[in-house]
Amino acid sequence: MGKLGARELNVSSDIDLIYVYEDDGETQGPQRISAHEFFDRVAKRLYALIGETTDDGFVFRVDLALRTNGNSGTTVARLPMLEEHYKAPGGAR
């Protein structure tokens, strides 16, 4: 999204990210978790890697506000939910 999606990123740009997964389900293994929880954890770890400020600075400023319901919404969304959100009037900002 934004300048990253348009390939116009510069040093002062933030990156707008929307995390989307396709299907419900759950992980395999001894501690099964839902697909939503799995992708939520992945998104938060990725945010920490590229967006959090450390002693060395940060890789990029990350903006997740374009997701459904803005900053109060879920970090990740199922694809059908996101499609409906952007089809609805006022969904696309």
N, C-alpha and C. Protein backbone atom coordinates (compact mmCIF):
# COMPACT_ATOMS: atom_id res chain seq x y z
N MET A 1 0.85 -1.17 0.00
CA MET A 1 0.00 0.00 0.00
C MET A 1 0.90 1.24 0.00
N GLY A 2 0.33 2.38 -0.22
CA GLY A 2 1.05 3.64 -0.14
C GLY A 2 2.26 3.72 -1.06
N LYS A 3 3.28 4.44 -0.62
CA LYS A 3 4.48 4.62 -1.44
C LYS A 3 5.23 3.32 -1.68
N LEU A 4 5.19 2.41 -0.70
CA LEU A 4 5.84 1.12 -0.91
C LEU A 4 5.18 0.38 -2.07
N GLY A 5 3.86 0.33 -2.08
CA GLY A 5 3.14 -0.35 -3.16
C GLY A 5 3.32 0.32 -4.50
N ALA A 6 3.49 1.62 -4.51
CA ALA A 6 3.68 2.36 -5.75
C ALA A 6 5.15 2.41 -6.17
N ARG A 7 6.01 1.81 -5.36
CA ARG A 7 7.46 1.80 -5.61
C ARG A 7 8.03 3.21 -5.64
N GLU A 8 7.54 4.06 -4.74
CA GLU A 8 8.01 5.44 -4.63
C GLU A 8 8.57 5.71 -3.23
N LEU A 9 9.01 4.67 -2.57
CA LEU A 9 9.51 4.77 -1.19
C LEU A 9 10.76 5.63 -1.15
N ASN A 10 10.82 6.51 -0.14
CA ASN A 10 12.03 7.30 0.07
C ASN A 10 12.41 7.23 1.55
N VAL A 11 13.47 7.89 1.94
CA VAL A 11 13.98 7.74 3.31
C VAL A 11 13.04 8.27 4.38
N SER A 12 12.14 9.15 4.03
CA SER A 12 11.22 9.69 5.03
C SER A 12 9.86 8.99 5.03
N SER A 13 9.69 8.01 4.17
CA SER A 13 8.40 7.32 4.03
C SER A 13 8.18 6.33 5.15
N ASP A 14 6.91 6.15 5.50
CA ASP A 14 6.55 4.99 6.31
C ASP A 14 6.01 3.94 5.34
N ILE A 15 5.89 2.72 5.81
CA ILE A 15 5.30 1.69 4.96
C ILE A 15 3.95 1.31 5.54
N ASP A 16 2.97 1.26 4.67
CA ASP A 16 1.61 0.89 5.03
C ASP A 16 1.44 -0.59 4.75
N LEU A 17 1.14 -1.36 5.79
CA LEU A 17 1.01 -2.81 5.64
C LEU A 17 -0.39 -3.27 6.01
N ILE A 18 -0.88 -4.23 5.25
CA ILE A 18 -2.12 -4.93 5.58
C ILE A 18 -1.78 -6.41 5.53
N TYR A 19 -2.01 -7.11 6.62
CA TYR A 19 -1.73 -8.54 6.68
C TYR A 19 -3.01 -9.31 6.42
N VAL A 20 -2.97 -10.20 5.43
CA VAL A 20 -4.15 -10.94 5.00
C VAL A 20 -3.81 -12.43 4.93
N TYR A 21 -4.73 -13.26 5.38
CA TYR A 21 -4.58 -14.69 5.20
C TYR A 21 -5.85 -15.22 4.53
N GLU A 22 -5.70 -16.35 3.83
CA GLU A 22 -6.79 -16.79 2.97
C GLU A 22 -7.87 -17.60 3.68
N ASP A 23 -7.49 -18.61 4.44
CA ASP A 23 -8.48 -19.55 4.96
C ASP A 23 -8.39 -19.71 6.47
N ASP A 24 -9.54 -20.01 7.07
CA ASP A 24 -9.54 -20.41 8.47
C ASP A 24 -8.90 -21.79 8.55
N GLY A 25 -8.56 -22.17 9.73
CA GLY A 25 -7.94 -23.47 9.95
C GLY A 25 -7.13 -23.39 11.22
N GLU A 26 -6.23 -24.34 11.37
CA GLU A 26 -5.35 -24.31 12.53
C GLU A 26 -4.03 -24.94 12.18
N THR A 27 -3.04 -24.66 13.00
CA THR A 27 -1.72 -25.22 12.79
C THR A 27 -1.71 -26.69 13.16
N GLN A 28 -0.69 -27.39 12.73
CA GLN A 28 -0.49 -28.79 13.10
C GLN A 28 0.53 -28.83 14.22
N GLY A 29 0.52 -29.87 14.99
CA GLY A 29 1.51 -30.02 16.04
C GLY A 29 0.88 -30.16 17.40
N PRO A 30 1.72 -30.23 18.42
CA PRO A 30 1.21 -30.49 19.78
C PRO A 30 0.36 -29.35 20.35
N GLN A 31 0.66 -28.12 19.98
CA GLN A 31 -0.12 -26.98 20.49
C GLN A 31 -0.77 -26.28 19.30
N ARG A 32 -1.93 -26.75 18.93
CA ARG A 32 -2.64 -26.19 17.78
C ARG A 32 -3.20 -24.81 18.13
N ILE A 33 -3.07 -23.91 17.16
CA ILE A 33 -3.68 -22.58 17.30
C ILE A 33 -4.39 -22.26 15.99
N SER A 34 -5.33 -21.36 16.06
CA SER A 34 -6.09 -20.99 14.86
C SER A 34 -5.18 -20.27 13.86
N ALA A 35 -5.59 -20.31 12.61
CA ALA A 35 -4.85 -19.59 11.57
C ALA A 35 -4.79 -18.10 11.92
N HIS A 36 -5.88 -17.57 12.44
CA HIS A 36 -5.90 -16.15 12.80
C HIS A 36 -4.83 -15.84 13.85
N GLU A 37 -4.77 -16.65 14.90
CA GLU A 37 -3.79 -16.42 15.95
C GLU A 37 -2.36 -16.58 15.42
N PHE A 38 -2.14 -17.59 14.58
CA PHE A 38 -0.82 -17.81 14.00
C PHE A 38 -0.37 -16.59 13.20
N PHE A 39 -1.22 -16.11 12.29
CA PHE A 39 -0.83 -14.98 11.45
C PHE A 39 -0.75 -13.68 12.24
N ASP A 40 -1.53 -13.56 13.30
CA ASP A 40 -1.42 -12.40 14.18
C ASP A 40 -0.04 -12.37 14.84
N ARG A 41 0.42 -13.52 15.30
CA ARG A 41 1.75 -13.60 15.91
C ARG A 41 2.85 -13.28 14.90
N VAL A 42 2.71 -13.82 13.68
CA VAL A 42 3.70 -13.54 12.64
C VAL A 42 3.74 -12.04 12.34
N ALA A 43 2.57 -11.41 12.21
CA ALA A 43 2.50 -9.98 11.91
C ALA A 43 3.16 -9.15 13.02
N LYS A 44 2.91 -9.51 14.25
CA LYS A 44 3.50 -8.75 15.36
C LYS A 44 5.02 -8.92 15.41
N ARG A 45 5.50 -10.12 15.11
CA ARG A 45 6.95 -10.33 15.09
C ARG A 45 7.60 -9.56 13.94
N LEU A 46 6.95 -9.57 12.79
CA LEU A 46 7.48 -8.82 11.65
C LEU A 46 7.50 -7.33 11.96
N TYR A 47 6.43 -6.84 12.59
CA TYR A 47 6.40 -5.43 12.99
C TYR A 47 7.57 -5.12 13.91
N ALA A 48 7.83 -6.01 14.87
CA ALA A 48 8.94 -5.78 15.80
C ALA A 48 10.28 -5.75 15.07
N LEU A 49 10.43 -6.59 14.07
CA LEU A 49 11.69 -6.64 13.33
C LEU A 49 11.95 -5.39 12.50
N ILE A 50 10.92 -4.86 11.88
CA ILE A 50 11.15 -3.73 10.97
C ILE A 50 10.66 -2.39 11.48
N GLY A 51 9.82 -2.38 12.52
CA GLY A 51 9.21 -1.13 12.92
C GLY A 51 9.59 -0.59 14.28
N GLU A 52 10.07 -1.45 15.16
CA GLU A 52 10.39 -0.96 16.50
C GLU A 52 11.74 -0.26 16.51
N THR A 53 11.84 0.78 17.30
CA THR A 53 13.08 1.53 17.42
C THR A 53 14.00 0.84 18.42
N THR A 54 15.24 0.63 18.01
CA THR A 54 16.26 0.03 18.87
C THR A 54 17.37 1.05 19.07
N ASP A 55 18.44 0.66 19.73
CA ASP A 55 19.59 1.56 19.90
C ASP A 55 20.18 1.97 18.55
N ASP A 56 19.98 1.13 17.54
CA ASP A 56 20.51 1.41 16.21
C ASP A 56 19.52 2.15 15.32
N GLY A 57 18.33 2.42 15.83
CA GLY A 57 17.30 3.08 15.03
C GLY A 57 16.24 2.08 14.62
N PHE A 58 15.66 2.27 13.43
CA PHE A 58 14.63 1.37 12.93
C PHE A 58 14.83 1.17 11.43
N VAL A 59 14.25 0.11 10.91
CA VAL A 59 14.36 -0.16 9.48
C VAL A 59 13.39 0.74 8.72
N PHE A 60 12.12 0.68 9.09
CA PHE A 60 11.08 1.53 8.51
C PHE A 60 10.09 1.91 9.58
N ARG A 61 9.46 3.06 9.44
CA ARG A 61 8.27 3.36 10.23
C ARG A 61 7.14 2.57 9.59
N VAL A 62 6.39 1.87 10.41
CA VAL A 62 5.33 1.00 9.90
C VAL A 62 3.98 1.56 10.30
N ASP A 63 3.06 1.62 9.34
CA ASP A 63 1.70 2.09 9.59
C ASP A 63 0.74 0.94 9.29
N LEU A 64 -0.02 0.55 10.30
CA LEU A 64 -1.00 -0.51 10.13
C LEU A 64 -2.42 0.03 10.11
N ALA A 65 -2.59 1.35 10.04
CA ALA A 65 -3.91 1.96 10.15
C ALA A 65 -4.82 1.70 8.95
N LEU A 66 -4.32 1.20 7.85
CA LEU A 66 -5.17 0.93 6.69
C LEU A 66 -5.96 -0.36 6.84
N ARG A 67 -5.69 -1.12 7.87
CA ARG A 67 -6.44 -2.37 8.06
C ARG A 67 -7.89 -2.05 8.42
N THR A 68 -8.72 -3.08 8.38
CA THR A 68 -10.14 -2.85 8.69
C THR A 68 -10.27 -2.30 10.10
N ASN A 69 -11.07 -1.32 10.29
CA ASN A 69 -11.30 -0.63 11.57
C ASN A 69 -10.07 0.08 12.10
N GLY A 70 -9.14 0.41 11.23
CA GLY A 70 -7.98 1.21 11.61
C GLY A 70 -7.19 0.62 12.76
N ASN A 71 -6.68 1.49 13.62
CA ASN A 71 -5.83 1.03 14.72
C ASN A 71 -6.58 0.20 15.75
N SER A 72 -7.90 0.28 15.78
CA SER A 72 -8.65 -0.51 16.75
C SER A 72 -9.02 -1.89 16.20
N GLY A 73 -8.71 -2.12 14.91
CA GLY A 73 -9.05 -3.39 14.29
C GLY A 73 -8.02 -4.47 14.54
N THR A 74 -8.35 -5.65 14.08
CA THR A 74 -7.45 -6.79 14.20
C THR A 74 -6.21 -6.57 13.34
N THR A 75 -5.08 -7.11 13.75
CA THR A 75 -3.83 -6.94 13.01
C THR A 75 -3.87 -7.66 11.68
N VAL A 76 -4.51 -8.82 11.63
CA VAL A 76 -4.62 -9.60 10.40
C VAL A 76 -6.09 -9.80 10.06
N ALA A 77 -6.36 -10.03 8.78
CA ALA A 77 -7.75 -10.22 8.35
C ALA A 77 -7.83 -11.36 7.35
N ARG A 78 -8.93 -12.09 7.41
CA ARG A 78 -9.19 -13.09 6.37
C ARG A 78 -9.53 -12.37 5.09
N LEU A 79 -9.09 -12.92 3.98
CA LEU A 79 -9.28 -12.29 2.69
C LEU A 79 -10.74 -11.94 2.40
N PRO A 80 -11.72 -12.84 2.63
CA PRO A 80 -13.11 -12.46 2.35
C PRO A 80 -13.58 -11.25 3.18
N MET A 81 -13.12 -11.16 4.43
CA MET A 81 -13.50 -10.03 5.28
C MET A 81 -12.93 -8.73 4.71
N LEU A 82 -11.68 -8.78 4.26
CA LEU A 82 -11.05 -7.59 3.70
C LEU A 82 -11.72 -7.18 2.40
N GLU A 83 -12.06 -8.16 1.57
CA GLU A 83 -12.75 -7.85 0.32
C GLU A 83 -14.07 -7.15 0.58
N GLU A 84 -14.84 -7.66 1.53
CA GLU A 84 -16.13 -7.03 1.86
C GLU A 84 -15.93 -5.62 2.41
N HIS A 85 -14.91 -5.45 3.22
CA HIS A 85 -14.62 -4.13 3.81
C HIS A 85 -14.36 -3.10 2.71
N TYR A 86 -13.56 -3.46 1.72
CA TYR A 86 -13.22 -2.51 0.68
C TYR A 86 -14.29 -2.37 -0.39
N LYS A 87 -15.24 -3.29 -0.46
CA LYS A 87 -16.37 -3.16 -1.37
C LYS A 87 -17.43 -2.21 -0.80
N ALA A 88 -17.53 -2.15 0.52
CA ALA A 88 -18.55 -1.34 1.18
C ALA A 88 -18.25 0.14 1.00
N PRO A 89 -19.29 0.97 0.88
CA PRO A 89 -19.06 2.42 0.78
C PRO A 89 -18.29 2.92 1.98
N GLY A 90 -17.26 3.69 1.72
CA GLY A 90 -16.43 4.24 2.80
C GLY A 90 -15.38 3.26 3.30
N GLY A 91 -15.35 2.03 2.78
CA GLY A 91 -14.36 1.06 3.21
C GLY A 91 -12.97 1.42 2.78
N ALA A 92 -12.83 1.85 1.54
CA ALA A 92 -11.52 2.27 1.04
C ALA A 92 -11.32 3.73 1.43
N ARG A 93 -10.22 3.97 2.10
CA ARG A 93 -9.97 5.34 2.57
C ARG A 93 -9.23 6.13 1.54
